[in-house]
Amino acid sequence: MSYDQNNIFAKILRNEIPCKRINEDAHYLAFHDIHPKAPIHVLVIPKGHYINAQDFHRNASPEEITGFYKGLAAVAENLNIQEGFRLISNCGLNGGQEVPHYHMHILGGRQLGPMLAA
């Protein structure tokens, strides 16, 4: 599978689609999800073209990986959700991935309940 340059996150990175930005640097962009599943629902995406977690971890440079995860940690800290939060990365169709660009969800602001519905 090759990277789709026309996915919504690629368009956001190119500023073709607006987003409510939280923070960014050379390695990541963090913004509010337009369909939040919790009071706090933020997406953190790498600026490189990676389809999913496997692609990112296999092909990103050490600097990209470190920069992305340090950014993810900084965003989570700045959201002031020390009482707890959840990080989710869906991978592939059966994993629930909707956009073919690697991303992490940060969810918090309330008790989140079980990981999966029974």
PDB file of N, CA and C in Angstrom:
ATOM      1  N   MET A   1       0.843  -1.174   0.000  1.00  0.00           N
ATOM      2  CA  MET A   1       0.000   0.000   0.000  1.00  0.00           C
ATOM      3  C   MET A   1       0.890   1.239   0.000  1.00  0.00           C
ATOM      4  N   SER A   2       0.594   2.186  -0.853  1.00  0.00           N
ATOM      5  CA  SER A   2       1.369   3.419  -0.892  1.00  0.00           C
ATOM      6  C   SER A   2       0.589   4.551  -0.211  1.00  0.00           C
ATOM      7  N   TYR A   3       1.312   5.546   0.208  1.00  0.00           N
ATOM      8  CA  TYR A   3       0.728   6.676   0.920  1.00  0.00           C
ATOM      9  C   TYR A   3      -0.186   7.477  -0.006  1.00  0.00           C
ATOM     10  N   ASP A   4      -1.369   7.796   0.471  1.00  0.00           N
ATOM     11  CA  ASP A   4      -2.348   8.588  -0.278  1.00  0.00           C
ATOM     12  C   ASP A   4      -2.135  10.070   0.011  1.00  0.00           C
ATOM     13  N   GLN A   5      -1.581  10.781  -0.949  1.00  0.00           N
ATOM     14  CA  GLN A   5      -1.310  12.213  -0.798  1.00  0.00           C
ATOM     15  C   GLN A   5      -2.575  13.053  -0.642  1.00  0.00           C
ATOM     16  N   ASN A   6      -3.733  12.473  -0.907  1.00  0.00           N
ATOM     17  CA  ASN A   6      -4.987  13.217  -0.818  1.00  0.00           C
ATOM     18  C   ASN A   6      -5.806  12.888   0.418  1.00  0.00           C
ATOM     19  N   ASN A   7      -5.218  12.162   1.383  1.00  0.00           N
ATOM     20  CA  ASN A   7      -5.969  11.909   2.610  1.00  0.00           C
ATOM     21  C   ASN A   7      -6.125  13.223   3.371  1.00  0.00           C
ATOM     22  N   ILE A   8      -7.104  13.268   4.264  1.00  0.00           N
ATOM     23  CA  ILE A   8      -7.443  14.524   4.942  1.00  0.00           C
ATOM     24  C   ILE A   8      -6.282  15.079   5.767  1.00  0.00           C
ATOM     25  N   PHE A   9      -5.477  14.214   6.386  1.00  0.00           N
ATOM     26  CA  PHE A   9      -4.367  14.725   7.191  1.00  0.00           C
ATOM     27  C   PHE A   9      -3.265  15.299   6.311  1.00  0.00           C
ATOM     28  N   ALA A  10      -3.039  14.714   5.141  1.00  0.00           N
ATOM     29  CA  ALA A  10      -2.072  15.289   4.201  1.00  0.00           C
ATOM     30  C   ALA A  10      -2.534  16.678   3.770  1.00  0.00           C
ATOM     31  N   LYS A  11      -3.831  16.825   3.549  1.00  0.00           N
ATOM     32  CA  LYS A  11      -4.377  18.142   3.173  1.00  0.00           C
ATOM     33  C   LYS A  11      -4.269  19.139   4.316  1.00  0.00           C
ATOM     34  N   ILE A  12      -4.467  18.684   5.553  1.00  0.00           N
ATOM     35  CA  ILE A  12      -4.290  19.565   6.713  1.00  0.00           C
ATOM     36  C   ILE A  12      -2.830  19.999   6.803  1.00  0.00           C
ATOM     37  N   LEU A  13      -1.899  19.073   6.619  1.00  0.00           N
ATOM     38  CA  LEU A  13      -0.482  19.427   6.677  1.00  0.00           C
ATOM     39  C   LEU A  13      -0.102  20.436   5.595  1.00  0.00           C
ATOM     40  N   ARG A  14      -0.779  20.383   4.446  1.00  0.00           N
ATOM     41  CA  ARG A  14      -0.513  21.335   3.360  1.00  0.00           C
ATOM     42  C   ARG A  14      -1.339  22.620   3.513  1.00  0.00           C
ATOM     43  N   ASN A  15      -2.071  22.752   4.602  1.00  0.00           N
ATOM     44  CA  ASN A  15      -2.936  23.914   4.862  1.00  0.00           C
ATOM     45  C   ASN A  15      -4.047  24.075   3.831  1.00  0.00           C
ATOM     46  N   GLU A  16      -4.462  22.981   3.213  1.00  0.00           N
ATOM     47  CA  GLU A  16      -5.586  23.012   2.279  1.00  0.00           C
ATOM     48  C   GLU A  16      -6.906  22.882   3.025  1.00  0.00           C
ATOM     49  N   ILE A  17      -6.868  22.302   4.210  1.00  0.00           N
ATOM     50  CA  ILE A  17      -8.035  22.146   5.070  1.00  0.00           C
ATOM     51  C   ILE A  17      -7.653  22.726   6.424  1.00  0.00           C
ATOM     52  N   PRO A  18      -8.496  23.593   6.993  1.00  0.00           N
ATOM     53  CA  PRO A  18      -8.149  24.173   8.294  1.00  0.00           C
ATOM     54  C   PRO A  18      -8.333  23.165   9.422  1.00  0.00           C
ATOM     55  N   CYS A  19      -7.647  23.417  10.519  1.00  0.00           N
ATOM     56  CA  CYS A  19      -7.813  22.632  11.735  1.00  0.00           C
ATOM     57  C   CYS A  19      -7.609  23.573  12.910  1.00  0.00           C
ATOM     58  N   LYS A  20      -8.080  23.146  14.065  1.00  0.00           N
ATOM     59  CA  LYS A  20      -7.890  23.922  15.293  1.00  0.00           C
ATOM     60  C   LYS A  20      -6.588  23.436  15.928  1.00  0.00           C
ATOM     61  N   ARG A  21      -5.493  24.084  15.538  1.00  0.00           N
ATOM     62  CA  ARG A  21      -4.152  23.678  15.952  1.00  0.00           C
ATOM     63  C   ARG A  21      -3.919  23.914  17.435  1.00  0.00           C
ATOM     64  N   ILE A  22      -3.169  22.991  18.023  1.00  0.00           N
ATOM     65  CA  ILE A  22      -2.756  23.122  19.410  1.00  0.00           C
ATOM     66  C   ILE A  22      -1.275  23.440  19.473  1.00  0.00           C
ATOM     67  N   ASN A  23      -0.483  22.652  18.756  1.00  0.00           N
ATOM     68  CA  ASN A  23       0.960  22.825  18.768  1.00  0.00           C
ATOM     69  C   ASN A  23       1.548  22.073  17.584  1.00  0.00           C
ATOM     70  N   GLU A  24       2.757  22.487  17.202  1.00  0.00           N
ATOM     71  CA  GLU A  24       3.466  21.760  16.144  1.00  0.00           C
ATOM     72  C   GLU A  24       4.926  22.128  16.170  1.00  0.00           C
ATOM     73  N   ASP A  25       5.718  21.289  15.564  1.00  0.00           N
ATOM     74  CA  ASP A  25       7.123  21.582  15.308  1.00  0.00           C
ATOM     75  C   ASP A  25       7.500  20.878  14.008  1.00  0.00           C
ATOM     76  N   ALA A  26       8.755  20.670  13.784  1.00  0.00           N
ATOM     77  CA  ALA A  26       9.208  20.062  12.528  1.00  0.00           C
ATOM     78  C   ALA A  26       8.749  18.628  12.363  1.00  0.00           C
ATOM     79  N   HIS A  27       8.381  17.959  13.469  1.00  0.00           N
ATOM     80  CA  HIS A  27       8.077  16.535  13.410  1.00  0.00           C
ATOM     81  C   HIS A  27       6.607  16.174  13.584  1.00  0.00           C
ATOM     82  N   TYR A  28       5.805  17.052  14.146  1.00  0.00           N
ATOM     83  CA  TYR A  28       4.411  16.699  14.423  1.00  0.00           C
ATOM     84  C   TYR A  28       3.504  17.916  14.354  1.00  0.00           C
ATOM     85  N   LEU A  29       2.208  17.623  14.241  1.00  0.00           N
ATOM     86  CA  LEU A  29       1.147  18.622  14.340  1.00  0.00           C
ATOM     87  C   LEU A  29       0.089  18.041  15.266  1.00  0.00           C
ATOM     88  N   ALA A  30      -0.373  18.838  16.230  1.00  0.00           N
ATOM     89  CA  ALA A  30      -1.441  18.429  17.144  1.00  0.00           C
ATOM     90  C   ALA A  30      -2.628  19.364  16.946  1.00  0.00           C
ATOM     91  N   PHE A  31      -3.823  18.776  16.858  1.00  0.00           N
ATOM     92  CA  PHE A  31      -5.028  19.576  16.654  1.00  0.00           C
ATOM     93  C   PHE A  31      -6.239  18.862  17.235  1.00  0.00           C
ATOM     94  N   HIS A  32      -7.298  19.612  17.467  1.00  0.00           N
ATOM     95  CA  HIS A  32      -8.527  19.052  18.030  1.00  0.00           C
ATOM     96  C   HIS A  32      -9.258  18.209  16.990  1.00  0.00           C
ATOM     97  N   ASP A  33      -9.794  17.067  17.417  1.00  0.00           N
ATOM     98  CA  ASP A  33     -10.594  16.202  16.551  1.00  0.00           C
ATOM     99  C   ASP A  33     -11.931  16.897  16.267  1.00  0.00           C
ATOM    100  N   ILE A  34     -12.400  16.842  15.033  1.00  0.00           N
ATOM    101  CA  ILE A  34     -13.668  17.507  14.692  1.00  0.00           C
ATOM    102  C   ILE A  34     -14.887  16.707  15.139  1.00  0.00           C
ATOM    103  N   HIS A  35     -14.683  15.436  15.514  1.00  0.00           N
ATOM    104  CA  HIS A  35     -15.757  14.595  16.046  1.00  0.00           C
ATOM    105  C   HIS A  35     -15.298  13.993  17.371  1.00  0.00           C
ATOM    106  N   PRO A  36     -15.188  14.821  18.417  1.00  0.00           N
ATOM    107  CA  PRO A  36     -14.608  14.332  19.672  1.00  0.00           C
ATOM    108  C   PRO A  36     -15.429  13.231  20.325  1.00  0.00           C
ATOM    109  N   LYS A  37     -14.705  12.270  20.882  1.00  0.00           N
ATOM    110  CA  LYS A  37     -15.310  11.141  21.601  1.00  0.00           C
ATOM    111  C   LYS A  37     -15.172  11.299  23.111  1.00  0.00           C
ATOM    112  N   ALA A  38     -14.565  12.385  23.557  1.00  0.00           N
ATOM    113  CA  ALA A  38     -14.380  12.702  24.973  1.00  0.00           C
ATOM    114  C   ALA A  38     -14.267  14.225  25.067  1.00  0.00           C
ATOM    115  N   PRO A  39     -14.396  14.796  26.272  1.00  0.00           N
ATOM    116  CA  PRO A  39     -14.265  16.247  26.410  1.00  0.00           C
ATOM    117  C   PRO A  39     -12.953  16.783  25.826  1.00  0.00           C
ATOM    118  N   ILE A  40     -11.891  16.014  25.962  1.00  0.00           N
ATOM    119  CA  ILE A  40     -10.623  16.346  25.313  1.00  0.00           C
ATOM    120  C   ILE A  40     -10.326  15.238  24.322  1.00  0.00           C
ATOM    121  N   HIS A  41     -10.221  15.607  23.057  1.00  0.00           N
ATOM    122  CA  HIS A  41      -9.894  14.634  22.006  1.00  0.00           C
ATOM    123  C   HIS A  41      -9.006  15.350  20.996  1.00  0.00           C
ATOM    124  N   VAL A  42      -7.731  15.035  21.062  1.00  0.00           N
ATOM    125  CA  VAL A  42      -6.718  15.674  20.237  1.00  0.00           C
ATOM    126  C   VAL A  42      -6.060  14.624  19.361  1.00  0.00           C
ATOM    127  N   LEU A  43      -5.735  15.007  18.148  1.00  0.00           N
ATOM    128  CA  LEU A  43      -4.987  14.148  17.237  1.00  0.00           C
ATOM    129  C   LEU A  43      -3.564  14.685  17.127  1.00  0.00           C
ATOM    130  N   VAL A  44      -2.609  13.784  17.133  1.00  0.00           N
ATOM    131  CA  VAL A  44      -1.208  14.138  16.925  1.00  0.00           C
ATOM    132  C   VAL A  44      -0.723  13.321  15.741  1.00  0.00           C
ATOM    133  N   ILE A  45      -0.247  14.018  14.711  1.00  0.00           N
ATOM    134  CA  ILE A  45       0.182  13.345  13.486  1.00  0.00           C
ATOM    135  C   ILE A  45       1.633  13.705  13.173  1.00  0.00           C
ATOM    136  N   PRO A  46       2.388  12.746  12.649  1.00  0.00           N
ATOM    137  CA  PRO A  46       3.733  13.098  12.194  1.00  0.00           C
ATOM    138  C   PRO A  46       3.638  13.889  10.891  1.00  0.00           C
ATOM    139  N   LYS A  47       4.630  14.701  10.643  1.00  0.00           N
ATOM    140  CA  LYS A  47       4.635  15.492   9.413  1.00  0.00           C
ATOM    141  C   LYS A  47       5.117  14.685   8.211  1.00  0.00           C
ATOM    142  N   GLY A  48       5.718  13.532   8.458  1.00  0.00           N
ATOM    143  CA  GLY A  48       6.126  12.668   7.354  1.00  0.00           C
ATOM    144  C   GLY A  48       4.950  11.865   6.831  1.00  0.00           C
ATOM    145  N   HIS A  49       5.133  11.251   5.677  1.00  0.00           N
ATOM    146  CA  HIS A  49       4.074  10.490   5.014  1.00  0.00           C
ATOM    147  C   HIS A  49       4.135   9.023   5.421  1.00  0.00           C
ATOM    148  N   TYR A  50       3.429   8.689   6.495  1.00  0.00           N
ATOM    149  CA  TYR A  50       3.392   7.326   7.006  1.00  0.00           C
ATOM    150  C   TYR A  50       1.946   6.877   7.123  1.00  0.00           C
ATOM    151  N   ILE A  51       1.657   5.688   6.641  1.00  0.00           N
ATOM    152  CA  ILE A  51       0.288   5.191   6.563  1.00  0.00           C
ATOM    153  C   ILE A  51      -0.259   4.804   7.927  1.00  0.00           C
ATOM    154  N   ASN A  52       0.535   4.096   8.713  1.00  0.00           N
ATOM    155  CA  ASN A  52       0.048   3.592  10.001  1.00  0.00           C
ATOM    156  C   ASN A  52       1.239   3.400  10.934  1.00  0.00           C
ATOM    157  N   ALA A  53       0.975   2.864  12.131  1.00  0.00           N
ATOM    158  CA  ALA A  53       2.035   2.685  13.127  1.00  0.00           C
ATOM    159  C   ALA A  53       3.161   1.807  12.595  1.00  0.00           C
ATOM    160  N   GLN A  54       2.824   0.739  11.919  1.00  0.00           N
ATOM    161  CA  GLN A  54       3.860  -0.155  11.389  1.00  0.00           C
ATOM    162  C   GLN A  54       4.762   0.575  10.405  1.00  0.00           C
ATOM    163  N   ASP A  55       4.169   1.320   9.486  1.00  0.00           N
ATOM    164  CA  ASP A  55       4.931   2.073   8.489  1.00  0.00           C
ATOM    165  C   ASP A  55       5.829   3.102   9.176  1.00  0.00           C
ATOM    166  N   PHE A  56       5.273   3.827  10.145  1.00  0.00           N
ATOM    167  CA  PHE A  56       6.037   4.850  10.860  1.00  0.00           C
ATOM    168  C   PHE A  56       7.225   4.245  11.591  1.00  0.00           C
ATOM    169  N   HIS A  57       6.987   3.201  12.363  1.00  0.00           N
ATOM    170  CA  HIS A  57       8.061   2.625  13.160  1.00  0.00           C
ATOM    171  C   HIS A  57       9.108   1.900  12.311  1.00  0.00           C
ATOM    172  N   ARG A  58       8.712   1.431  11.169  1.00  0.00           N
ATOM    173  CA  ARG A  58       9.640   0.743  10.271  1.00  0.00           C
ATOM    174  C   ARG A  58      10.460   1.733   9.446  1.00  0.00           C
ATOM    175  N   ASN A  59       9.863   2.861   9.019  1.00  0.00           N
ATOM    176  CA  ASN A  59      10.497   3.710   8.011  1.00  0.00           C
ATOM    177  C   ASN A  59      10.891   5.113   8.447  1.00  0.00           C
ATOM    178  N   ALA A  60      10.361   5.604   9.549  1.00  0.00           N
ATOM    179  CA  ALA A  60      10.719   6.955   9.991  1.00  0.00           C
ATOM    180  C   ALA A  60      12.145   6.958  10.533  1.00  0.00           C
ATOM    181  N   SER A  61      12.785   8.099  10.432  1.00  0.00           N
ATOM    182  CA  SER A  61      14.131   8.236  10.982  1.00  0.00           C
ATOM    183  C   SER A  61      14.069   8.277  12.509  1.00  0.00           C
ATOM    184  N   PRO A  62      15.166   7.978  13.167  1.00  0.00           N
ATOM    185  CA  PRO A  62      15.181   8.090  14.627  1.00  0.00           C
ATOM    186  C   PRO A  62      14.774   9.493  15.108  1.00  0.00           C
ATOM    187  N   GLU A  63      15.176  10.525  14.379  1.00  0.00           N
ATOM    188  CA  GLU A  63      14.824  11.897  14.752  1.00  0.00           C
ATOM    189  C   GLU A  63      13.317  12.129  14.634  1.00  0.00           C
ATOM    190  N   GLU A  64      12.703  11.586  13.576  1.00  0.00           N
ATOM    191  CA  GLU A  64      11.255  11.731  13.420  1.00  0.00           C
ATOM    192  C   GLU A  64      10.508  11.009  14.537  1.00  0.00           C
ATOM    193  N   ILE A  65      10.938   9.814  14.859  1.00  0.00           N
ATOM    194  CA  ILE A  65      10.268   9.033  15.902  1.00  0.00           C
ATOM    195  C   ILE A  65      10.402   9.732  17.256  1.00  0.00           C
ATOM    196  N   THR A  66      11.606  10.126  17.592  1.00  0.00           N
ATOM    197  CA  THR A  66      11.824  10.814  18.866  1.00  0.00           C
ATOM    198  C   THR A  66      11.059  12.128  18.913  1.00  0.00           C
ATOM    199  N   GLY A  67      11.125  12.907  17.849  1.00  0.00           N
ATOM    200  CA  GLY A  67      10.421  14.187  17.811  1.00  0.00           C
ATOM    201  C   GLY A  67       8.919  14.028  17.938  1.00  0.00           C
ATOM    202  N   PHE A  68       8.362  13.014  17.271  1.00  0.00           N
ATOM    203  CA  PHE A  68       6.928  12.769  17.335  1.00  0.00           C
ATOM    204  C   PHE A  68       6.514  12.423  18.765  1.00  0.00           C
ATOM    205  N   TYR A  69       7.198  11.477  19.390  1.00  0.00           N
ATOM    206  CA  TYR A  69       6.792  11.043  20.728  1.00  0.00           C
ATOM    207  C   TYR A  69       7.077  12.093  21.799  1.00  0.00           C
ATOM    208  N   LYS A  70       8.137  12.876  21.654  1.00  0.00           N
ATOM    209  CA  LYS A  70       8.355  13.981  22.596  1.00  0.00           C
ATOM    210  C   LYS A  70       7.249  15.026  22.419  1.00  0.00           C
ATOM    211  N   GLY A  71       6.836  15.272  21.195  1.00  0.00           N
ATOM    212  CA  GLY A  71       5.723  16.195  20.952  1.00  0.00           C
ATOM    213  C   GLY A  71       4.424  15.669  21.541  1.00  0.00           C
ATOM    214  N   LEU A  72       4.166  14.392  21.360  1.00  0.00           N
ATOM    215  CA  LEU A  72       2.966  13.764  21.921  1.00  0.00           C
ATOM    216  C   LEU A  72       2.941  13.940  23.443  1.00  0.00           C
ATOM    217  N   ALA A  73       4.073  13.700  24.093  1.00  0.00           N
ATOM    218  CA  ALA A  73       4.152  13.858  25.547  1.00  0.00           C
ATOM    219  C   ALA A  73       3.945  15.307  25.967  1.00  0.00           C
ATOM    220  N   ALA A  74       4.525  16.246  25.224  1.00  0.00           N
ATOM    221  CA  ALA A  74       4.374  17.661  25.559  1.00  0.00           C
ATOM    222  C   ALA A  74       2.925  18.110  25.407  1.00  0.00           C
ATOM    223  N   VAL A  75       2.265  17.661  24.346  1.00  0.00           N
ATOM    224  CA  VAL A  75       0.863  18.025  24.137  1.00  0.00           C
ATOM    225  C   VAL A  75       0.008  17.460  25.261  1.00  0.00           C
ATOM    226  N   ALA A  76       0.212  16.199  25.612  1.00  0.00           N
ATOM    227  CA  ALA A  76      -0.564  15.587  26.700  1.00  0.00           C
ATOM    228  C   ALA A  76      -0.355  16.358  28.001  1.00  0.00           C
ATOM    229  N   GLU A  77       0.867  16.742  28.278  1.00  0.00           N
ATOM    230  CA  GLU A  77       1.142  17.506  29.503  1.00  0.00           C
ATOM    231  C   GLU A  77       0.458  18.872  29.460  1.00  0.00           C
ATOM    232  N   ASN A  78       0.510  19.548  28.334  1.00  0.00           N
ATOM    233  CA  ASN A  78      -0.086  20.876  28.208  1.00  0.00           C
ATOM    234  C   ASN A  78      -1.608  20.861  28.246  1.00  0.00           C
ATOM    235  N   LEU A  79      -2.226  19.710  27.997  1.00  0.00           N
ATOM    236  CA  LEU A  79      -3.688  19.612  28.044  1.00  0.00           C
ATOM    237  C   LEU A  79      -4.222  19.580  29.474  1.00  0.00           C
ATOM    238  N   ASN A  80      -3.313  19.472  30.448  1.00  0.00           N
ATOM    239  CA  ASN A  80      -3.692  19.490  31.864  1.00  0.00           C
ATOM    240  C   ASN A  80      -4.683  18.375  32.191  1.00  0.00           C
ATOM    241  N   ILE A  81      -4.341  17.154  31.806  1.00  0.00           N
ATOM    242  CA  ILE A  81      -5.195  15.995  32.075  1.00  0.00           C
ATOM    243  C   ILE A  81      -4.437  14.959  32.906  1.00  0.00           C
ATOM    244  N   GLN A  82      -3.775  15.454  33.958  1.00  0.00           N
ATOM    245  CA  GLN A  82      -2.975  14.572  34.803  1.00  0.00           C
ATOM    246  C   GLN A  82      -3.801  13.509  35.508  1.00  0.00           C
ATOM    247  N   GLU A  83      -5.123  13.719  35.619  1.00  0.00           N
ATOM    248  CA  GLU A  83      -5.949  12.701  36.271  1.00  0.00           C
ATOM    249  C   GLU A  83      -6.072  11.448  35.418  1.00  0.00           C
ATOM    250  N   GLY A  84      -5.625  11.513  34.204  1.00  0.00           N
ATOM    251  CA  GLY A  84      -5.611  10.335  33.339  1.00  0.00           C
ATOM    252  C   GLY A  84      -6.057  10.648  31.934  1.00  0.00           C
ATOM    253  N   PHE A  85      -5.526   9.893  31.014  1.00  0.00           N
ATOM    254  CA  PHE A  85      -5.894  10.035  29.604  1.00  0.00           C
ATOM    255  C   PHE A  85      -5.587   8.729  28.904  1.00  0.00           C
ATOM    256  N   ARG A  86      -6.049   8.627  27.680  1.00  0.00           N
ATOM    257  CA  ARG A  86      -5.827   7.426  26.882  1.00  0.00           C
ATOM    258  C   ARG A  86      -5.159   7.837  25.571  1.00  0.00           C
ATOM    259  N   LEU A  87      -4.185   7.039  25.148  1.00  0.00           N
ATOM    260  CA  LEU A  87      -3.561   7.185  23.840  1.00  0.00           C
ATOM    261  C   LEU A  87      -4.028   6.024  22.986  1.00  0.00           C
ATOM    262  N   ILE A  88      -4.500   6.331  21.785  1.00  0.00           N
ATOM    263  CA  ILE A  88      -4.986   5.286  20.887  1.00  0.00           C
ATOM    264  C   ILE A  88      -4.385   5.514  19.506  1.00  0.00           C
ATOM    265  N   SER A  89      -3.933   4.434  18.909  1.00  0.00           N
ATOM    266  CA  SER A  89      -3.537   4.450  17.509  1.00  0.00           C
ATOM    267  C   SER A  89      -4.204   3.259  16.834  1.00  0.00           C
ATOM    268  N   ASN A  90      -5.170   3.522  16.004  1.00  0.00           N
ATOM    269  CA  ASN A  90      -5.832   2.457  15.249  1.00  0.00           C
ATOM    270  C   ASN A  90      -4.964   2.129  14.039  1.00  0.00           C
ATOM    271  N   CYS A  91      -4.892   0.861  13.696  1.00  0.00           N
ATOM    272  CA  CYS A  91      -4.019   0.440  12.607  1.00  0.00           C
ATOM    273  C   CYS A  91      -4.775  -0.499  11.677  1.00  0.00           C
ATOM    274  N   GLY A  92      -4.986  -0.066  10.458  1.00  0.00           N
ATOM    275  CA  GLY A  92      -5.648  -0.884   9.452  1.00  0.00           C
ATOM    276  C   GLY A  92      -7.158  -0.917   9.596  1.00  0.00           C
ATOM    277  N   LEU A  93      -7.803  -1.485   8.605  1.00  0.00           N
ATOM    278  CA  LEU A  93      -9.261  -1.537   8.536  1.00  0.00           C
ATOM    279  C   LEU A  93      -9.872  -2.227   9.753  1.00  0.00           C
ATOM    280  N   ASN A  94      -9.397  -3.410  10.111  1.00  0.00           N
ATOM    281  CA  ASN A  94      -9.959  -4.123  11.261  1.00  0.00           C
ATOM    282  C   ASN A  94      -9.610  -3.461  12.583  1.00  0.00           C
ATOM    283  N   GLY A  95      -8.584  -2.637  12.599  1.00  0.00           N
ATOM    284  CA  GLY A  95      -8.216  -1.904  13.802  1.00  0.00           C
ATOM    285  C   GLY A  95      -8.974  -0.597  13.953  1.00  0.00           C
ATOM    286  N   GLY A  96      -9.807  -0.261  12.975  1.00  0.00           N
ATOM    287  CA  GLY A  96     -10.619   0.945  13.056  1.00  0.00           C
ATOM    288  C   GLY A  96      -9.964   2.202  12.515  1.00  0.00           C
ATOM    289  N   GLN A  97      -8.862   2.080  11.786  1.00  0.00           N
ATOM    290  CA  GLN A  97      -8.200   3.260  11.237  1.00  0.00           C
ATOM    291  C   GLN A  97      -9.050   3.842  10.114  1.00  0.00           C
ATOM    292  N   GLU A  98      -9.389   5.135  10.241  1.00  0.00           N
ATOM    293  CA  GLU A  98     -10.238   5.797   9.251  1.00  0.00           C
ATOM    294  C   GLU A  98      -9.452   6.643   8.267  1.00  0.00           C
ATOM    295  N   VAL A  99      -8.322   7.187   8.689  1.00  0.00           N
ATOM    296  CA  VAL A  99      -7.491   8.028   7.817  1.00  0.00           C
ATOM    297  C   VAL A  99      -6.153   7.329   7.638  1.00  0.00           C
ATOM    298  N   PRO A 100      -5.730   7.086   6.398  1.00  0.00           N
ATOM    299  CA  PRO A 100      -4.484   6.353   6.159  1.00  0.00           C
ATOM    300  C   PRO A 100      -3.228   7.221   6.309  1.00  0.00           C
ATOM    301  N   HIS A 101      -3.134   7.879   7.454  1.00  0.00           N
ATOM    302  CA  HIS A 101      -1.943   8.639   7.851  1.00  0.00           C
ATOM    303  C   HIS A 101      -1.766   8.346   9.336  1.00  0.00           C
ATOM    304  N   TYR A 102      -0.576   7.876   9.735  1.00  0.00           N
ATOM    305  CA  TYR A 102      -0.358   7.514  11.134  1.00  0.00           C
ATOM    306  C   TYR A 102      -0.743   8.671  12.045  1.00  0.00           C
ATOM    307  N   HIS A 103      -1.459   8.355  13.111  1.00  0.00           N
ATOM    308  CA  HIS A 103      -1.849   9.369  14.086  1.00  0.00           C
ATOM    309  C   HIS A 103      -2.165   8.727  15.425  1.00  0.00           C
ATOM    310  N   MET A 104      -2.037   9.531  16.461  1.00  0.00           N
ATOM    311  CA  MET A 104      -2.387   9.120  17.816  1.00  0.00           C
ATOM    312  C   MET A 104      -3.526  10.007  18.293  1.00  0.00           C
ATOM    313  N   HIS A 105      -4.474   9.387  18.973  1.00  0.00           N
ATOM    314  CA  HIS A 105      -5.547  10.109  19.632  1.00  0.00           C
ATOM    315  C   HIS A 105      -5.157  10.283  21.098  1.00  0.00           C
ATOM    316  N   ILE A 106      -5.343  11.476  21.629  1.00  0.00           N
ATOM    317  CA  ILE A 106      -5.241  11.712  23.064  1.00  0.00           C
ATOM    318  C   ILE A 106      -6.661  12.010  23.541  1.00  0.00           C
ATOM    319  N   LEU A 107      -7.178  11.159  24.425  1.00  0.00           N
ATOM    320  CA  LEU A 107      -8.538  11.342  24.941  1.00  0.00           C
ATOM    321  C   LEU A 107      -8.493  11.491  26.454  1.00  0.00           C
ATOM    322  N   GLY A 108      -9.279  12.422  26.972  1.00  0.00           N
ATOM    323  CA  GLY A 108      -9.319  12.621  28.414  1.00  0.00           C
ATOM    324  C   GLY A 108     -10.431  13.583  28.789  1.00  0.00           C
ATOM    325  N   GLY A 109     -10.374  14.040  30.020  1.00  0.00           N
ATOM    326  CA  GLY A 109     -11.351  14.991  30.508  1.00  0.00           C
ATOM    327  C   GLY A 109     -12.525  14.357  31.248  1.00  0.00           C
ATOM    328  N   ARG A 110     -12.543  13.025  31.296  1.00  0.00           N
ATOM    329  CA  ARG A 110     -13.571  12.297  32.049  1.00  0.00           C
ATOM    330  C   ARG A 110     -13.115  10.843  32.178  1.00  0.00           C
ATOM    331  N   GLN A 111     -13.838  10.078  32.998  1.00  0.00           N
ATOM    332  CA  GLN A 111     -13.581   8.642  33.092  1.00  0.00           C
ATOM    333  C   GLN A 111     -13.912   8.017  31.737  1.00  0.00           C
ATOM    334  N   LEU A 112     -12.991   7.279  31.158  1.00  0.00           N
ATOM    335  CA  LEU A 112     -13.191   6.774  29.799  1.00  0.00           C
ATOM    336  C   LEU A 112     -13.792   5.383  29.718  1.00  0.00           C
ATOM    337  N   GLY A 113     -13.804   4.629  30.784  1.00  0.00           N
ATOM    338  CA  GLY A 113     -14.429   3.312  30.740  1.00  0.00           C
ATOM    339  C   GLY A 113     -13.548   2.265  30.100  1.00  0.00           C
ATOM    340  N   PRO A 114     -14.144   1.110  29.759  1.00  0.00           N
ATOM    341  CA  PRO A 114     -13.345  -0.006  29.231  1.00  0.00           C
ATOM    342  C   PRO A 114     -12.794   0.302  27.851  1.00  0.00           C
ATOM    343  N   MET A 115     -11.735  -0.420  27.506  1.00  0.00           N
ATOM    344  CA  MET A 115     -11.081  -0.230  26.201  1.00  0.00           C
ATOM    345  C   MET A 115     -11.998  -0.583  25.038  1.00  0.00           C
ATOM    346  N   LEU A 116     -12.700  -1.712  25.150  1.00  0.00           N
ATOM    347  CA  LEU A 116     -13.561  -2.160  24.071  1.00  0.00           C
ATOM    348  C   LEU A 116     -14.931  -2.505  24.618  1.00  0.00           C
ATOM    349  N   ALA A 117     -15.958  -2.263  23.813  1.00  0.00           N
ATOM    350  CA  ALA A 117     -17.302  -2.698  24.197  1.00  0.00           C
ATOM    351  C   ALA A 117     -17.361  -4.212  24.091  1.00  0.00           C
ATOM    352  N   ALA A 118     -18.072  -4.824  24.984  1.00  0.00           N
ATOM    353  CA  ALA A 118     -18.175  -6.291  24.984  1.00  0.00           C
ATOM    354  C   ALA A 118     -18.961  -6.788  23.797  1.00  0.00           C
TER     355      ALA A 118
END
